[in-house]
Amino acid sequence: MKTGRRLYIVLLNTIETWGGGERWCIYAAQGLEASGHHVMIACTAISILSQRTQSLGINHFSIPKGGLKRIQAIWHLRQYCRKHKVDAIIANVGRDLRIGAFVTLGAPTKLYQRRGLLRKVKKDPFHRWIYTRLVERIIVNCEAIKKEMFKGTSFLFSDDFAVIYNSVDIVQPAKKGQTRMRHRLAIMPDQPLVGVVGRLAPMKGHILLIKAWRQVLDFHPKAILLIVGHGAEEQRLKDLAKQLKLERSVRFLGFQENVDDIYEGIDVIVQPSLRDEGLNNTILESMAHSKCAIVSECGGLPELVKHENSGLVVPVGDVEKLAEALIRVLSDDQIRSRFGENARQRAKRFFSTKAMIQELEAVLIA
């Protein structure tokens, strides 16, 4: 969509690790620039986002991790936005919103917040002031986050929100058994392969998945579970797998730069989140690879996966139901294939990058 007006936009994200919000920054910057706008990503100097922003040639503003240099950088960002007449700043987490408030205070630059986690809004006077006086719109990636933020507040209204789903690029799926990842890990084509991709954090529910996996092996003894990612829970998860004698069937791959190989090789993707979940990028990416998904009924996950159509949705925290769902889809090639194809078509129809950028443009020029 060509708006006829070139906007100057700053995407502000100081998270040092890599996740959905950081991925969104890259997608948004590339899409907005392709539509003719000038975009800059302001991020922490040592972050993964900083590294990827620079490697892709996206305009970049570096913010030191802490101390006096950080304060000076934020002041320079404020001066930069005034000098270049920046139209909009889109802030990520709470500290980014506070930085954005300082940068835009008393300036014509509009402040937006993008939220990708299912968390309530703080109701203290400071946050009331920011949301009522400074924030133009709150951009959320699913209806569940809007509902959670809106609930219980007297100073937010439905029109304060814009729901813009995350996006994904559709890929050509690989044929079963012909993937590099399976070959690299010495996993045979006839071995059922389940994957979970993401931070190893308590909210993601990996503990429940490992407990459910013990039951899955009673029906599918050759099955393999790949746990992809790193985080604070890693040792605890490894200890549990060892305690349940699952060392041979549960493999920890750590952080993987190329997750497309993972999606190509697995039969089923699973996300048993317990809380805070927005529109999960892992599930969205796997849908583009025609993969059947099993997710918990947490946050925005049911907005991605339609139960009995593109996957299965199970109750939050229910080990038995999670095990039953895994056993069912691993036992039925036809249902897995049907769910996977439906997932791919759903990703193409509702979660395209083109649609995401058009909706974001419409919000910014309103």
Protein backbone atom coordinates (compact mmCIF):
# COMPACT_ATOMS: atom_id res chain seq x y z
CA MET A 1 0.00 0.00 0.00
CA LYS A 2 1.50 3.31 -1.04
CA THR A 3 0.29 6.02 1.26
CA GLY A 4 1.66 8.91 -0.77
CA ARG A 5 3.52 10.08 2.33
CA ARG A 6 6.94 8.90 3.45
CA LEU A 7 6.95 8.30 7.19
CA TYR A 8 10.02 8.35 9.44
CA ILE A 9 9.62 5.55 11.98
CA VAL A 10 11.77 4.37 14.89
CA LEU A 11 11.30 0.84 16.25
CA LEU A 12 12.53 0.84 19.86
CA ASN A 13 13.48 -2.52 21.41
CA THR A 14 16.19 -2.91 24.08
CA ILE A 15 15.80 -6.67 24.73
CA GLU A 16 19.19 -8.39 24.48
CA THR A 17 17.97 -11.91 23.66
CA TRP A 18 16.11 -13.05 20.55
CA GLY A 19 12.36 -13.65 20.49
CA GLY A 20 9.09 -12.81 18.80
CA GLY A 21 9.26 -9.07 19.44
CA GLU A 22 12.74 -8.83 17.98
CA ARG A 23 11.75 -10.88 14.95
CA TRP A 24 8.78 -8.54 14.46
CA CYS A 25 11.11 -5.53 14.43
CA ILE A 26 13.05 -7.01 11.52
CA TYR A 27 9.93 -7.94 9.55
CA ALA A 28 8.31 -4.56 10.21
CA ALA A 29 11.43 -2.60 9.27
CA GLN A 30 11.90 -4.49 6.01
CA GLY A 31 8.22 -4.28 5.07
CA LEU A 32 7.85 -0.59 5.87
CA GLU A 33 11.03 0.27 3.97
CA ALA A 34 9.73 -1.70 0.97
CA SER A 35 6.61 0.48 1.13
CA GLY A 36 8.73 3.62 0.86
CA HIS A 37 9.14 4.66 4.49
CA HIS A 38 12.33 5.46 6.37
CA VAL A 39 12.83 3.08 9.32
CA MET A 40 15.44 2.87 12.06
CA ILE A 41 15.75 0.21 14.77
CA ALA A 42 16.98 1.54 18.13
CA CYS A 43 18.27 -1.33 20.26
CA THR A 44 20.84 -2.37 22.84
CA ALA A 45 24.37 -2.36 21.47
CA ILE A 46 25.25 -5.95 22.42
CA SER A 47 21.91 -7.53 21.55
CA ILE A 48 21.15 -10.17 18.94
CA LEU A 49 18.71 -7.70 17.37
CA SER A 50 21.57 -5.22 16.95
CA GLN A 51 23.71 -7.83 15.22
CA ARG A 52 20.95 -8.88 12.84
CA THR A 53 19.87 -5.31 12.13
CA GLN A 54 23.38 -4.39 11.06
CA SER A 55 23.93 -7.59 9.05
CA LEU A 56 20.75 -6.89 7.08
CA GLY A 57 21.70 -3.27 6.40
CA ILE A 58 18.78 -1.79 8.33
CA ASN A 59 19.28 1.70 9.80
CA HIS A 60 20.47 1.28 13.35
CA PHE A 61 20.72 3.35 16.54
CA SER A 62 22.84 1.81 19.31
CA ILE A 63 21.90 2.17 22.99
CA PRO A 64 24.55 1.04 25.53
CA LYS A 65 23.47 -1.50 28.13
CA GLY A 66 23.70 0.80 31.15
CA GLY A 67 25.36 3.67 32.98
CA LEU A 68 25.99 7.22 31.88
CA LYS A 69 26.55 6.24 28.25
CA ARG A 70 23.04 4.77 28.11
CA ILE A 71 21.53 7.99 29.45
CA GLN A 72 23.53 9.99 26.91
CA ALA A 73 22.37 7.72 24.07
CA ILE A 74 18.71 8.14 25.04
CA TRP A 75 19.21 11.92 25.09
CA HIS A 76 20.82 11.75 21.64
CA LEU A 77 17.86 9.67 20.42
CA ARG A 78 15.55 12.44 21.61
CA GLN A 79 17.61 15.03 19.72
CA TYR A 80 17.78 12.80 16.65
CA CYS A 81 14.00 12.42 16.52
CA ARG A 82 13.53 16.18 16.67
CA LYS A 83 16.20 16.89 14.06
CA HIS A 84 14.82 14.34 11.59
CA LYS A 85 11.15 15.05 12.41
CA VAL A 86 10.43 11.43 13.23
CA ASP A 87 6.72 10.69 12.80
CA ALA A 88 6.41 7.70 15.12
CA ILE A 89 8.21 5.64 17.72
CA ILE A 90 6.95 2.10 18.32
CA ALA A 91 8.16 0.92 21.74
CA ASN A 92 8.37 -2.69 22.84
CA VAL A 93 8.52 -3.64 26.54
CA GLY A 94 7.81 -1.44 29.55
CA ARG A 95 11.27 0.12 29.76
CA ASP A 96 11.10 0.93 26.04
CA LEU A 97 7.78 2.65 26.64
CA ARG A 98 9.41 4.79 29.33
CA ILE A 99 12.29 5.66 27.00
CA GLY A 100 9.80 6.46 24.25
CA ALA A 101 7.85 8.69 26.63
CA PHE A 102 10.98 10.71 27.39
CA VAL A 103 11.95 10.94 23.72
CA THR A 104 8.51 12.07 22.51
CA LEU A 105 7.52 14.30 25.45
CA GLY A 106 6.82 17.78 24.14
CA ALA A 107 7.55 16.74 20.54
CA PRO A 108 5.25 16.10 17.56
CA THR A 109 6.52 12.49 17.32
CA LYS A 110 3.72 10.03 18.12
CA LEU A 111 4.37 7.22 20.59
CA TYR A 112 2.94 3.73 20.05
CA GLN A 113 3.43 0.61 22.07
CA ARG A 114 3.53 -2.89 20.65
CA ARG A 115 2.67 -5.70 23.07
CA GLY A 116 3.30 -9.37 22.35
CA LEU A 117 2.89 -10.81 25.85
CA LEU A 118 -0.33 -11.53 27.68
CA ARG A 119 0.05 -9.27 30.72
CA LYS A 120 -2.10 -6.78 32.54
CA VAL A 121 -1.51 -3.04 32.45
CA LYS A 122 -0.21 -1.48 35.65
CA LYS A 123 -2.77 0.90 37.11
CA ASP A 124 -0.53 3.27 39.03
CA PRO A 125 -0.64 7.03 38.28
CA PHE A 126 2.55 6.89 36.19
CA HIS A 127 1.20 4.30 33.74
CA ARG A 128 -2.19 5.98 33.66
CA TRP A 129 -0.40 9.18 32.62
CA ILE A 130 1.66 7.48 29.91
CA TYR A 131 -1.30 5.64 28.39
CA THR A 132 -3.73 8.56 28.53
CA ARG A 133 -1.37 11.42 27.67
CA LEU A 134 1.38 10.02 25.48
CA VAL A 135 0.53 6.68 23.86
CA GLU A 136 -1.32 7.16 20.57
CA ARG A 137 -2.34 3.49 20.09
CA ILE A 138 -1.44 0.11 21.57
CA ILE A 139 -0.58 -2.42 18.86
CA VAL A 140 -1.18 -6.00 20.02
CA ASN A 141 -0.64 -9.21 18.08
CA CYS A 142 -3.82 -11.01 19.14
CA GLU A 143 -7.27 -10.41 20.59
CA ALA A 144 -6.29 -12.20 23.81
CA ILE A 145 -3.71 -9.52 24.69
CA LYS A 146 -6.19 -6.73 23.99
CA LYS A 147 -8.72 -8.40 26.27
CA GLU A 148 -6.18 -8.86 29.06
CA MET A 149 -4.88 -5.28 28.89
CA PHE A 150 -8.35 -3.78 28.58
CA LYS A 151 -9.75 -5.81 31.48
CA GLY A 152 -9.96 -3.99 34.77
CA THR A 153 -8.68 -0.61 33.61
CA SER A 154 -10.71 2.59 33.74
CA PHE A 155 -8.39 4.54 31.43
CA LEU A 156 -8.13 2.27 28.38
CA PHE A 157 -10.83 1.87 25.76
CA SER A 158 -11.36 -0.50 22.86
CA ASP A 159 -10.39 2.16 20.31
CA ASP A 160 -7.00 2.55 22.01
CA PHE A 161 -5.98 -0.82 20.56
CA ALA A 162 -5.06 -2.06 17.11
CA VAL A 163 -4.90 -5.84 16.67
CA ILE A 164 -2.28 -6.66 14.04
CA TYR A 165 -1.37 -10.32 13.75
CA ASN A 166 2.24 -11.42 13.35
CA SER A 167 3.25 -12.50 9.86
CA VAL A 168 5.16 -15.32 8.22
CA ASP A 169 6.71 -16.10 4.86
CA ILE A 170 5.23 -19.18 3.20
CA VAL A 171 7.83 -21.77 2.20
CA GLN A 172 7.86 -24.82 -0.04
CA PRO A 173 7.61 -27.79 2.33
CA ALA A 174 10.22 -30.52 2.20
CA LYS A 175 9.31 -34.15 1.56
CA LYS A 176 9.15 -36.41 4.57
CA GLY A 177 12.44 -38.14 5.29
CA GLN A 178 14.45 -35.92 2.93
CA THR A 179 15.58 -33.18 5.28
CA ARG A 180 19.08 -32.18 6.26
CA MET A 181 18.20 -32.01 9.93
CA ARG A 182 17.08 -35.64 10.15
CA HIS A 183 20.21 -36.73 8.36
CA ARG A 184 22.42 -34.62 10.63
CA LEU A 185 20.82 -36.03 13.79
CA ALA A 186 20.70 -39.63 12.47
CA ILE A 187 16.91 -39.80 12.78
CA MET A 188 15.32 -42.29 10.42
CA PRO A 189 12.29 -41.43 8.24
CA ASP A 190 10.10 -43.91 10.12
CA GLN A 191 10.79 -42.34 13.51
CA PRO A 192 7.99 -39.98 14.65
CA LEU A 193 9.52 -36.60 15.39
CA VAL A 194 7.98 -33.91 17.61
CA GLY A 195 9.50 -30.48 18.17
CA VAL A 196 9.13 -27.60 20.59
CA VAL A 197 10.97 -24.38 19.73
CA GLY A 198 11.45 -21.40 22.01
CA ARG A 199 12.92 -20.09 25.25
CA LEU A 200 13.34 -22.66 28.00
CA ALA A 201 11.32 -20.66 30.52
CA PRO A 202 8.72 -21.82 33.09
CA MET A 203 5.87 -20.07 31.24
CA LYS A 204 6.45 -22.25 28.15
CA GLY A 205 5.40 -25.49 29.86
CA HIS A 206 8.31 -27.74 28.88
CA ILE A 207 8.04 -29.60 32.20
CA LEU A 208 4.53 -30.76 31.34
CA LEU A 209 5.64 -31.82 27.86
CA ILE A 210 8.42 -34.03 29.19
CA LYS A 211 6.01 -35.63 31.67
CA ALA A 212 3.52 -36.25 28.84
CA TRP A 213 6.31 -37.68 26.66
CA ARG A 214 6.73 -40.60 29.07
CA GLN A 215 3.17 -41.67 28.15
CA VAL A 216 3.68 -41.06 24.42
CA LEU A 217 6.55 -43.56 24.33
CA ASP A 218 4.24 -46.33 25.52
CA PHE A 219 2.46 -46.04 22.14
CA HIS A 220 5.33 -44.78 19.99
CA PRO A 221 8.57 -46.19 21.42
CA LYS A 222 10.67 -44.95 18.47
CA ALA A 223 9.46 -41.35 18.76
CA ILE A 224 11.92 -38.50 19.33
CA LEU A 225 11.23 -35.16 21.04
CA LEU A 226 13.45 -32.24 20.01
CA ILE A 227 13.70 -29.36 22.48
CA VAL A 228 15.12 -26.34 20.65
CA GLY A 229 16.21 -23.22 22.50
CA HIS A 230 18.05 -22.18 25.62
CA GLY A 231 17.09 -20.56 28.87
CA ALA A 232 16.98 -20.76 32.65
CA GLU A 233 15.02 -24.05 32.70
CA GLU A 234 17.52 -26.05 30.65
CA GLN A 235 19.25 -27.96 33.45
CA ARG A 236 15.99 -28.61 35.25
CA LEU A 237 14.50 -30.08 32.08
CA LYS A 238 17.54 -32.26 31.45
CA ASP A 239 17.40 -33.53 35.03
CA LEU A 240 13.72 -34.43 34.63
CA ALA A 241 14.36 -36.25 31.36
CA LYS A 242 17.11 -38.24 33.06
CA GLN A 243 14.91 -38.99 36.06
CA LEU A 244 12.17 -40.33 33.76
CA LYS A 245 14.76 -42.31 31.74
CA LEU A 246 14.06 -40.32 28.58
CA GLU A 247 17.65 -39.43 27.64
CA ARG A 248 17.53 -41.38 24.35
CA SER A 249 14.18 -40.02 23.16
CA VAL A 250 14.45 -36.39 24.32
CA ARG A 251 17.19 -34.36 22.64
CA PHE A 252 18.22 -30.85 23.61
CA LEU A 253 19.51 -28.94 20.58
CA GLY A 254 20.11 -25.55 22.21
CA PHE A 255 19.71 -22.35 20.21
CA GLN A 256 19.48 -22.99 16.46
CA GLU A 257 20.17 -20.25 13.94
CA ASN A 258 18.28 -22.02 11.14
CA VAL A 259 14.96 -23.24 12.54
CA ASP A 260 13.60 -23.90 9.05
CA ASP A 261 15.55 -27.17 9.10
CA ILE A 262 13.76 -28.09 12.31
CA TYR A 263 10.32 -27.34 10.90
CA GLU A 264 11.06 -29.31 7.73
CA GLY A 265 12.10 -32.41 9.64
CA ILE A 266 9.47 -32.71 12.38
CA ASP A 267 6.05 -34.32 12.09
CA VAL A 268 4.33 -32.31 14.83
CA ILE A 269 5.02 -28.99 16.57
CA VAL A 270 3.90 -28.50 20.16
CA GLN A 271 3.53 -25.44 22.41
CA PRO A 272 2.17 -26.23 25.91
CA SER A 273 2.41 -22.68 27.32
CA LEU A 274 1.10 -21.94 30.79
CA ARG A 275 0.84 -18.12 30.73
CA ASP A 276 1.77 -14.83 29.01
CA GLU A 277 1.47 -16.26 25.49
CA GLY A 278 0.63 -13.94 22.62
CA LEU A 279 0.58 -14.92 18.96
CA ASN A 280 3.42 -17.43 19.03
CA ASN A 281 5.87 -17.11 16.12
CA THR A 282 7.11 -20.67 16.43
CA ILE A 283 3.65 -22.05 15.74
CA LEU A 284 3.11 -19.52 12.96
CA GLU A 285 6.37 -20.47 11.26
CA SER A 286 5.58 -24.17 11.54
CA MET A 287 2.18 -23.55 9.94
CA ALA A 288 3.98 -22.13 6.92
CA HIS A 289 5.81 -25.46 6.75
CA SER A 290 2.50 -27.38 6.75
CA LYS A 291 2.97 -28.80 10.22
CA CYS A 292 0.24 -30.07 12.50
CA ALA A 293 0.31 -28.24 15.84
CA ILE A 294 -0.71 -29.10 19.37
CA VAL A 295 -1.05 -26.07 21.64
CA SER A 296 -2.50 -25.19 25.00
CA GLU A 297 -5.52 -22.96 25.36
CA CYS A 298 -3.29 -20.09 26.45
CA GLY A 299 -3.41 -16.49 25.27
CA GLY A 300 -3.40 -16.12 21.49
CA LEU A 301 -2.58 -19.76 20.68
CA PRO A 302 -6.22 -20.70 19.91
CA GLU A 303 -6.34 -17.72 17.52
CA LEU A 304 -3.55 -19.39 15.55
CA VAL A 305 -4.53 -23.05 15.74
CA LYS A 306 -8.14 -23.95 15.07
CA HIS A 307 -9.07 -27.05 17.05
CA GLU A 308 -9.73 -30.12 14.89
CA ASN A 309 -8.88 -28.11 11.77
CA SER A 310 -5.20 -27.09 11.77
CA GLY A 311 -4.25 -28.88 14.97
CA LEU A 312 -5.44 -29.63 18.47
CA VAL A 313 -5.95 -27.29 21.43
CA VAL A 314 -5.65 -28.79 24.92
CA PRO A 315 -6.39 -27.35 28.38
CA VAL A 316 -3.61 -25.37 30.03
CA GLY A 317 -1.47 -27.47 32.37
CA ASP A 318 -3.18 -30.80 31.57
CA VAL A 319 -0.48 -33.47 31.11
CA GLU A 320 -2.99 -36.25 30.33
CA LYS A 321 -4.75 -34.30 27.57
CA LEU A 322 -1.43 -33.23 26.10
CA ALA A 323 -0.25 -36.85 25.98
CA GLU A 324 -3.54 -37.98 24.42
CA ALA A 325 -3.30 -35.33 21.70
CA LEU A 326 0.29 -36.30 20.84
CA ILE A 327 -0.55 -39.99 20.73
CA ARG A 328 -3.55 -39.33 18.50
CA VAL A 329 -1.79 -37.28 15.82
CA LEU A 330 1.31 -39.49 15.81
CA SER A 331 -0.95 -42.51 15.27
CA ASP A 332 -2.77 -41.08 12.24
CA ASP A 333 -0.81 -39.98 9.16
CA GLN A 334 -3.96 -38.74 7.42
CA ILE A 335 -5.11 -36.42 10.20
CA ARG A 336 -1.57 -35.08 10.57
CA SER A 337 -1.40 -34.37 6.86
CA ARG A 338 -4.84 -32.74 6.79
CA PHE A 339 -4.13 -30.54 9.79
CA GLY A 340 -0.78 -29.56 8.29
CA GLU A 341 -2.23 -28.52 4.94
CA ASN A 342 -5.04 -26.60 6.67
CA ALA A 343 -2.40 -24.84 8.78
CA ARG A 344 -0.49 -23.79 5.68
CA GLN A 345 -3.59 -22.42 3.99
CA ARG A 346 -4.56 -20.57 7.16
CA ALA A 347 -1.11 -18.98 7.36
CA LYS A 348 -1.36 -17.82 3.74
CA ARG A 349 -4.82 -16.37 4.23
CA PHE A 350 -4.58 -14.63 7.59
CA PHE A 351 -0.91 -14.09 8.46
CA SER A 352 0.84 -12.73 5.41
CA THR A 353 3.58 -10.11 5.74
CA LYS A 354 1.84 -7.94 3.14
CA ALA A 355 -1.34 -7.79 5.25
CA MET A 356 0.63 -7.04 8.42
CA ILE A 357 2.48 -4.12 6.83
CA GLN A 358 -0.69 -2.68 5.30
CA GLU A 359 -2.46 -2.77 8.67
CA LEU A 360 0.53 -1.22 10.41
CA GLU A 361 0.74 1.56 7.83
CA ALA A 362 -2.95 2.29 8.28
CA VAL A 363 -2.46 2.71 12.03
CA LEU A 364 0.57 4.99 11.65
CA ILE A 365 -1.02 7.32 9.11
CA ALA A 366 -4.43 7.53 10.82
